[in-house]
Structures are given as structure tokens and as C-alpha cells.
Amino acid sequence: MAEHVPARTPPVGEQRRPGMDHAHHAFRTLTEAPRFTWPDEARIAFTVTLVLDHWELQPPKDACRDPRIVSPIGNFFPDWLSWSQREYGARVGIFRVLDALDRFDVVPSVALGAAAAQRYPELVDELGRRNACFMAHGTFATRSITSRMSEEQERAFIAESRAAVHAATGEMPLGWCGQDFNESDRTPALLAAAGFAYTTDWANDDRPFLLGPYHGHSLVALPPQPEWSDLECMWLRRVPPPVWVDNVAEAFAFLHDEGGAAFNLTLHPWIAGQAHRIRWLREALSRVLGRGAVWRCTTDEVARVAREQL
């Protein structure tokens, strides 16, 4: 298939013209999107992305973090509550989440931050025993890519993230899941140059698509679908767990009926693994995986199969 040559990104200040606002991919509507053929004639690909990162008590002053995630009593130092909630996920919550996934024979895809890879080797081993695939996930939960970075800083950030996953797992990660899904305009090209095959940062579809090419290399974009992420819904929007389950089940049912889409359920063990929520994760998995013709796969697998059809 011929390579897509993306539109030129207009310089800052240039008058707006019809077409895309960036040069990463062409505009595509639902009616133009491919209806993917998944293995065993499945109607939908189902993946679970388990986020494992580490929250710093004192990040650098120039670090960019999600401003919505702060202690309920304010943004101050030291924020022991936010820090210890992440620790709860790594000490307690993740084992409940893994037990739920085991019950439904779901192999997780793990967004592994560099600090978490170094700090939690026993968790990496536990996930490896389940044949999890690992994506690079930045460095700390309190640091994400920003356009304030220079190209050299961003390139080093990506390299550090990738090297940490390699050191912890013995394999180079194929996928990139950016911290808080943050990117600069140059991030996709830097990811392609670093050797990544896909990214999960672009939420503008329910089906995979291509970014690039960048110097002859394209990235598969696997949409993260934040509309049913546990953090976006139950933590930030305060959606009650039973309503979250209904949303997950209804979205999955619609996409299953539509056919050819991918469904990515993003989970954070410090949220979904809480004692009052784990029941609802099991309920969501039961309602989703009770349907037939579902391909349970990792992000590595869905990216590979999708690329063959793009």
C-alpha cells in the first residue's frame, strides 16, 4: 500500500486553511475507516492496559504533571496522599486487579514507567509470568512530555523510558503509552526514530490508524479510549462504579455489533484495585467477555494485526 504523505503543519500565525491542523495523519471518517478482520472471525479486539507508574513526592520544578490529580485538601508539599495512593496500587490493588484478569483469562498490556520498572521488580516478574506485554510509559507519574522540552530533552526522555523497560523485562518495548498521553508535535516522529511500532496516545477513533510516515517509518495509533478509563471516569469525573460498568458494557456492546473495532480498557491499580471497586471491575469483565466472537489480545498483538491491514 502506498505511504500516506501527511499534510504540512502550518507555521504559527499562518492563516487557517481547510484541512487538518497537523501533519501526522489524514482526516478519516467512520465511513472511510477499514473494518478490521480479527483472528478467528472475532467481531472486536479486546485489550486491557494496566498502568504501573511511580509518583514522586518532590518532582523537579519544571516537571509537567496532570494538574487535576491533587490531594482533596489542596496542592501542597509533601503530598503524601497522592504518593501513598500510588503505593497502595503497587502494594495491594494490583494483586486484586490481576486476580480479576486471571479469572477471565485476560493477559494485560502494561504501561510501565521507568521509575516503576526499577522500583517494583517483583511486580514486573509477576506480570511477566502472565506473558504480559510491556509498553514504555515515560519516567515518573509526575513527569510527562511537554512542548517546553527541547528536541534533545524529549529524545533523551524517550530513550530513558525505553531502556528502563528493556532492562527490567529483557525485551525492547514495541509500544509507547505516554504519561498522561502527553505529546509534543515532534513526539510521533521521535518515537518512530527510536524504534517504536505503535503508540496509544491518540484518542480520536475506535479503530487503529497510521501516523506518519516519518523518514519512511509509520506508527500504528491504538486509541486509548479514555471515555471508559477508570481514572478518567471514576476518579476525575466521579462516575459511580455501577454506572461505569454500564458505560463499559454499553460501549463494548455497540462496538461489538458494529464490528471491526478495538476496545482498550485502561486500568490503574490504585483506582480499580480499591476494595470498594474491585467487585465492579469483575462485573465489567463478566459483561464484556460474556459475548462471543471476542479476540482477547495484547496491544502488541492488535498493533501487529492492524498494521497488516492498514
Protein backbone atom coordinates (compact mmCIF):
# COMPACT_ATOMS: atom_id res chain seq x y z
CA MET A 1 0.00 0.00 0.00
CA ALA A 2 1.32 3.46 -0.86
CA GLU A 3 2.62 5.52 2.04
CA HIS A 4 0.45 8.35 3.25
CA VAL A 5 2.13 11.74 2.92
CA PRO A 6 0.61 13.89 5.67
CA ALA A 7 -0.42 17.48 5.18
CA ARG A 8 2.01 20.26 6.03
CA THR A 9 1.71 21.67 9.55
CA PRO A 10 1.06 25.43 9.15
CA PRO A 11 3.61 27.69 10.85
CA VAL A 12 2.40 29.50 13.96
CA GLY A 13 0.46 32.60 12.96
CA GLU A 14 -0.31 31.46 9.42
CA GLN A 15 -3.93 31.90 8.37
CA ARG A 16 -6.04 28.79 8.91
CA ARG A 17 -6.76 26.77 5.76
CA PRO A 18 -9.18 23.90 5.09
CA GLY A 19 -7.87 20.50 6.15
CA MET A 20 -6.03 19.00 9.10
CA ASP A 21 -4.42 21.11 11.82
CA HIS A 22 -1.34 18.90 11.86
CA ALA A 23 0.76 16.74 9.58
CA HIS A 24 0.57 13.42 11.42
CA HIS A 25 -2.33 11.72 9.64
CA ALA A 26 -5.01 12.40 7.08
CA PHE A 27 -8.61 13.10 8.03
CA ARG A 28 -10.72 9.94 8.11
CA THR A 29 -14.39 9.46 8.92
CA LEU A 30 -16.05 6.34 10.27
CA THR A 31 -17.40 5.52 6.82
CA GLU A 32 -13.86 5.60 5.41
CA ALA A 33 -12.25 3.54 8.18
CA PRO A 34 -11.30 -0.07 7.49
CA ARG A 35 -13.42 -2.75 9.15
CA PHE A 36 -10.61 -4.82 10.61
CA THR A 37 -10.65 -8.58 10.32
CA TRP A 38 -9.53 -10.04 13.64
CA PRO A 39 -8.32 -13.62 14.24
CA ASP A 40 -10.90 -16.42 14.49
CA GLU A 41 -13.53 -14.17 12.88
CA ALA A 42 -13.84 -12.10 16.05
CA ARG A 43 -16.03 -9.02 15.78
CA ILE A 44 -13.88 -6.94 18.14
CA ALA A 45 -10.38 -6.89 19.65
CA PHE A 46 -10.29 -6.53 23.45
CA THR A 47 -7.22 -5.35 25.34
CA VAL A 48 -6.58 -4.27 28.92
CA THR A 49 -3.89 -1.67 29.56
CA LEU A 50 -2.66 -1.82 33.15
CA VAL A 51 -0.79 1.35 34.14
CA LEU A 52 2.14 0.88 36.52
CA ASP A 53 3.95 4.09 37.41
CA HIS A 54 5.53 5.84 40.39
CA TRP A 55 4.53 9.20 41.85
CA GLU A 56 7.30 11.47 43.14
CA LEU A 57 6.91 13.34 46.39
CA GLN A 58 9.04 16.18 45.06
CA PRO A 59 9.19 16.35 41.26
CA PRO A 60 11.50 18.86 39.56
CA LYS A 61 10.15 22.40 39.44
CA ASP A 62 9.87 22.31 35.65
CA ALA A 63 8.11 18.91 35.56
CA CYS A 64 4.75 18.73 33.81
CA ARG A 65 2.11 16.66 35.59
CA ASP A 66 -1.67 16.31 35.38
CA PRO A 67 -2.96 19.30 37.38
CA ARG A 68 -6.25 17.52 38.10
CA ILE A 69 -4.63 14.89 40.30
CA VAL A 70 -4.04 16.56 43.65
CA SER A 71 -4.93 15.93 47.25
CA PRO A 72 -8.58 16.73 48.07
CA ILE A 73 -7.33 19.36 50.50
CA GLY A 74 -5.13 21.20 48.02
CA ASN A 75 -1.91 21.21 46.04
CA PHE A 76 0.92 21.29 48.55
CA PHE A 77 4.21 19.63 49.51
CA PRO A 78 4.63 16.93 50.61
CA ASP A 79 1.52 15.42 49.01
CA TRP A 80 1.60 12.18 50.95
CA LEU A 81 -1.96 11.28 49.96
CA SER A 82 -1.34 11.21 46.19
CA TRP A 83 2.00 9.46 46.71
CA SER A 84 0.56 6.80 49.04
CA GLN A 85 -2.42 6.14 46.78
CA ARG A 86 0.02 5.14 44.04
CA GLU A 87 1.88 2.98 46.55
CA TYR A 88 -1.40 1.34 47.52
CA GLY A 89 -1.86 0.35 43.92
CA ALA A 90 1.58 -1.26 43.74
CA ARG A 91 1.33 -2.94 47.18
CA VAL A 92 -2.32 -4.03 47.25
CA GLY A 93 -4.54 -3.02 44.35
CA ILE A 94 -2.56 -4.62 41.54
CA PHE A 95 -2.95 -8.10 43.00
CA ARG A 96 -6.74 -7.72 43.11
CA VAL A 97 -6.76 -6.49 39.52
CA LEU A 98 -4.55 -9.37 38.38
CA ASP A 99 -6.82 -11.85 40.15
CA ALA A 100 -9.81 -10.40 38.26
CA LEU A 101 -7.96 -10.59 34.94
CA ASP A 102 -6.88 -14.17 35.68
CA ARG A 103 -10.48 -15.19 36.25
CA PHE A 104 -11.32 -14.15 32.70
CA ASP A 105 -8.08 -15.32 31.04
CA VAL A 106 -7.08 -11.78 30.14
CA VAL A 107 -3.38 -11.14 29.52
CA PRO A 108 -2.66 -7.48 30.34
CA SER A 109 -0.68 -4.96 28.37
CA VAL A 110 1.37 -2.97 30.87
CA ALA A 111 2.28 0.70 30.56
CA LEU A 112 5.47 0.59 32.61
CA GLY A 113 7.12 3.80 33.77
CA ALA A 114 10.91 3.84 34.12
CA ALA A 115 10.79 4.55 37.87
CA ALA A 116 8.24 1.79 38.44
CA ALA A 117 10.34 -0.65 36.39
CA GLN A 118 13.26 -0.03 38.73
CA ARG A 119 11.24 0.20 41.95
CA TYR A 120 8.93 -2.81 41.55
CA PRO A 121 10.96 -5.69 40.04
CA GLU A 122 8.75 -8.25 41.81
CA LEU A 123 5.69 -6.81 40.07
CA VAL A 124 7.44 -6.91 36.70
CA ASP A 125 8.21 -10.58 37.35
CA GLU A 126 4.61 -11.25 38.38
CA LEU A 127 3.36 -9.65 35.17
CA GLY A 128 5.97 -11.44 33.09
CA ARG A 129 4.73 -14.80 34.39
CA ARG A 130 1.37 -13.89 32.86
CA ASN A 131 3.03 -13.21 29.47
CA ALA A 132 2.08 -9.55 29.69
CA CYS A 133 3.41 -7.25 27.01
CA PHE A 134 5.14 -4.09 28.22
CA MET A 135 4.91 -0.62 26.75
CA ALA A 136 7.23 2.26 27.64
CA HIS A 137 5.40 4.80 29.79
CA GLY A 138 7.69 7.74 30.43
CA THR A 139 9.66 8.02 33.65
CA PHE A 140 7.54 9.14 36.64
CA ALA A 141 3.81 9.74 37.03
CA THR A 142 4.72 13.34 37.82
CA ARG A 143 6.64 13.97 34.58
CA SER A 144 5.24 13.99 31.08
CA ILE A 145 6.35 15.19 27.68
CA THR A 146 5.70 18.85 27.04
CA SER A 147 6.38 21.21 24.16
CA ARG A 148 8.59 23.18 26.54
CA MET A 149 11.17 20.41 26.19
CA SER A 150 13.89 20.78 23.59
CA GLU A 151 14.14 18.07 20.97
CA GLU A 152 17.27 16.74 22.70
CA GLN A 153 15.47 16.58 26.06
CA GLU A 154 12.49 14.79 24.59
CA ARG A 155 14.68 12.33 22.71
CA ALA A 156 16.56 11.55 25.93
CA PHE A 157 13.27 11.16 27.85
CA ILE A 158 12.01 8.62 25.32
CA ALA A 159 15.33 6.75 25.31
CA GLU A 160 15.41 6.57 29.12
CA SER A 161 11.85 5.22 29.19
CA ARG A 162 12.56 2.56 26.59
CA ALA A 163 15.86 1.49 28.13
CA ALA A 164 14.26 1.06 31.57
CA VAL A 165 11.62 -1.33 30.24
CA HIS A 166 14.30 -3.25 28.34
CA ALA A 167 16.45 -3.54 31.47
CA ALA A 168 13.50 -4.73 33.58
CA THR A 169 11.97 -7.20 31.13
CA GLY A 170 14.82 -8.22 28.82
CA GLU A 171 12.83 -7.11 25.74
CA MET A 172 12.64 -3.84 23.88
CA PRO A 173 9.09 -2.48 24.06
CA LEU A 174 7.26 -2.10 20.77
CA GLY A 175 4.62 0.25 22.15
CA TRP A 176 4.58 3.69 23.71
CA CYS A 177 1.90 4.83 26.16
CA GLY A 178 2.78 8.39 27.10
CA GLN A 179 2.44 9.61 30.65
CA ASP A 180 -0.99 11.30 30.73
CA PHE A 181 -0.96 10.75 26.93
CA ASN A 182 1.03 13.97 26.55
CA GLU A 183 2.99 14.60 23.37
CA SER A 184 4.66 17.47 21.58
CA ASP A 185 4.26 17.97 17.85
CA ARG A 186 7.51 16.09 17.25
CA THR A 187 6.82 13.11 19.56
CA PRO A 188 5.48 10.65 16.94
CA ALA A 189 8.50 11.19 14.71
CA LEU A 190 10.86 10.72 17.66
CA LEU A 191 9.03 7.53 18.67
CA ALA A 192 9.33 6.15 15.14
CA ALA A 193 13.03 7.05 15.04
CA ALA A 194 13.55 5.32 18.41
CA GLY A 195 12.14 2.06 17.03
CA PHE A 196 8.61 2.01 18.40
CA ALA A 197 5.93 0.31 16.30
CA TYR A 198 2.84 1.86 17.87
CA THR A 199 1.53 4.42 20.34
CA THR A 200 -1.62 4.57 22.48
CA ASP A 201 -1.74 8.36 22.91
CA TRP A 202 -4.28 9.31 20.24
CA ALA A 203 -7.93 9.10 21.34
CA ASN A 204 -9.61 10.19 18.11
CA ASP A 205 -11.01 6.86 16.87
CA ASP A 206 -12.24 3.40 17.85
CA ARG A 207 -10.11 1.73 15.20
CA PRO A 208 -6.34 1.76 14.68
CA PHE A 209 -4.84 4.11 12.13
CA LEU A 210 -1.39 5.15 10.89
CA LEU A 211 0.69 8.13 11.95
CA GLY A 212 3.36 9.32 9.54
CA PRO A 213 5.42 8.12 7.79
CA TYR A 214 8.42 9.73 9.44
CA HIS A 215 11.54 9.17 7.36
CA GLY A 216 9.91 6.06 5.91
CA HIS A 217 8.59 4.69 9.22
CA SER A 218 4.95 4.86 10.33
CA LEU A 219 3.41 4.29 13.74
CA VAL A 220 0.20 2.41 14.40
CA ALA A 221 -2.06 4.52 16.63
CA LEU A 222 -4.14 2.40 19.02
CA PRO A 223 -6.75 4.74 20.55
CA PRO A 224 -6.74 4.68 24.39
CA GLN A 225 -10.50 5.43 24.61
CA PRO A 226 -10.47 7.50 27.82
CA GLU A 227 -14.28 7.52 27.91
CA TRP A 228 -14.12 4.26 29.87
CA SER A 229 -10.74 4.57 31.60
CA ASP A 230 -11.08 4.08 35.36
CA LEU A 231 -9.05 7.24 36.07
CA GLU A 232 -10.96 9.48 33.68
CA CYS A 233 -14.35 8.17 34.76
CA MET A 234 -14.31 7.09 38.39
CA TRP A 235 -11.53 9.35 39.67
CA LEU A 236 -11.76 12.60 37.72
CA ARG A 237 -15.42 12.65 36.67
CA ARG A 238 -16.67 10.91 39.84
CA VAL A 239 -18.73 8.41 37.86
CA PRO A 240 -20.15 5.84 40.34
CA PRO A 241 -18.73 2.33 39.78
CA PRO A 242 -22.10 0.76 38.80
CA VAL A 243 -22.58 3.49 36.18
CA TRP A 244 -19.02 2.97 34.96
CA VAL A 245 -19.79 -0.73 34.46
CA ASP A 246 -22.90 0.14 32.45
CA ASN A 247 -20.90 2.56 30.31
CA VAL A 248 -18.19 -0.03 29.63
CA ALA A 249 -20.73 -2.73 28.79
CA GLU A 250 -22.86 -0.50 26.57
CA ALA A 251 -19.86 0.88 24.65
CA PHE A 252 -18.49 -2.61 24.15
CA ALA A 253 -21.87 -3.96 23.00
CA PHE A 254 -22.24 -1.19 20.43
CA LEU A 255 -18.73 -1.62 19.02
CA HIS A 256 -19.16 -5.40 19.03
CA ASP A 257 -22.34 -5.07 16.97
CA GLU A 258 -20.68 -2.54 14.66
CA GLY A 259 -17.74 -4.87 14.07
CA GLY A 260 -14.11 -4.27 13.19
CA ALA A 261 -13.16 -2.04 16.13
CA ALA A 262 -10.71 -2.39 19.02
CA PHE A 263 -11.66 -1.90 22.68
CA ASN A 264 -8.96 -0.83 25.13
CA LEU A 265 -9.86 -0.84 28.85
CA THR A 266 -7.30 1.23 30.76
CA LEU A 267 -6.92 0.43 34.47
CA HIS A 268 -4.88 1.94 37.28
CA PRO A 269 -4.39 -0.43 40.24
CA TRP A 270 -4.68 2.43 42.74
CA ILE A 271 -8.20 3.07 41.40
CA ALA A 272 -9.71 -0.18 40.10
CA GLY A 273 -7.91 -2.20 42.78
CA GLN A 274 -9.59 -0.45 45.70
CA ALA A 275 -11.71 -2.68 47.95
CA HIS A 276 -14.95 -0.90 47.03
CA ARG A 277 -14.29 -1.01 43.27
CA ILE A 278 -12.79 -4.42 42.53
CA ARG A 279 -16.23 -6.06 42.51
CA TRP A 280 -17.23 -3.68 39.71
CA LEU A 281 -14.17 -4.49 37.63
CA ARG A 282 -15.13 -8.16 37.80
CA GLU A 283 -18.68 -7.22 36.81
CA ALA A 284 -17.43 -5.19 33.83
CA LEU A 285 -15.24 -8.03 32.61
CA SER A 286 -18.09 -10.52 33.00
CA ARG A 287 -20.48 -8.41 30.94
CA VAL A 288 -17.91 -7.66 28.25
CA LEU A 289 -16.41 -11.12 27.87
CA GLY A 290 -19.73 -12.91 28.15
CA ARG A 291 -20.21 -12.14 24.47
CA GLY A 292 -18.91 -14.41 21.76
CA ALA A 293 -16.53 -13.57 18.91
CA VAL A 294 -14.16 -11.51 21.09
CA TRP A 295 -10.42 -11.57 20.43
CA ARG A 296 -8.63 -11.20 23.78
CA CYS A 297 -5.24 -9.85 22.92
CA THR A 298 -2.40 -7.55 23.95
CA THR A 299 -1.62 -4.19 22.42
CA ASP A 300 1.43 -5.74 20.73
CA GLU A 301 -0.83 -8.26 19.01
CA VAL A 302 -3.56 -5.87 17.92
CA ALA A 303 -0.99 -3.40 16.56
CA ARG A 304 0.66 -6.16 14.52
CA VAL A 305 -2.59 -7.43 13.03
CA ALA A 306 -3.88 -3.93 12.36
CA ARG A 307 -0.69 -2.89 10.57
CA GLU A 308 -1.13 -5.78 8.14
CA GLN A 309 -4.48 -4.26 7.12
CA LEU A 310 -3.58 -0.56 7.02
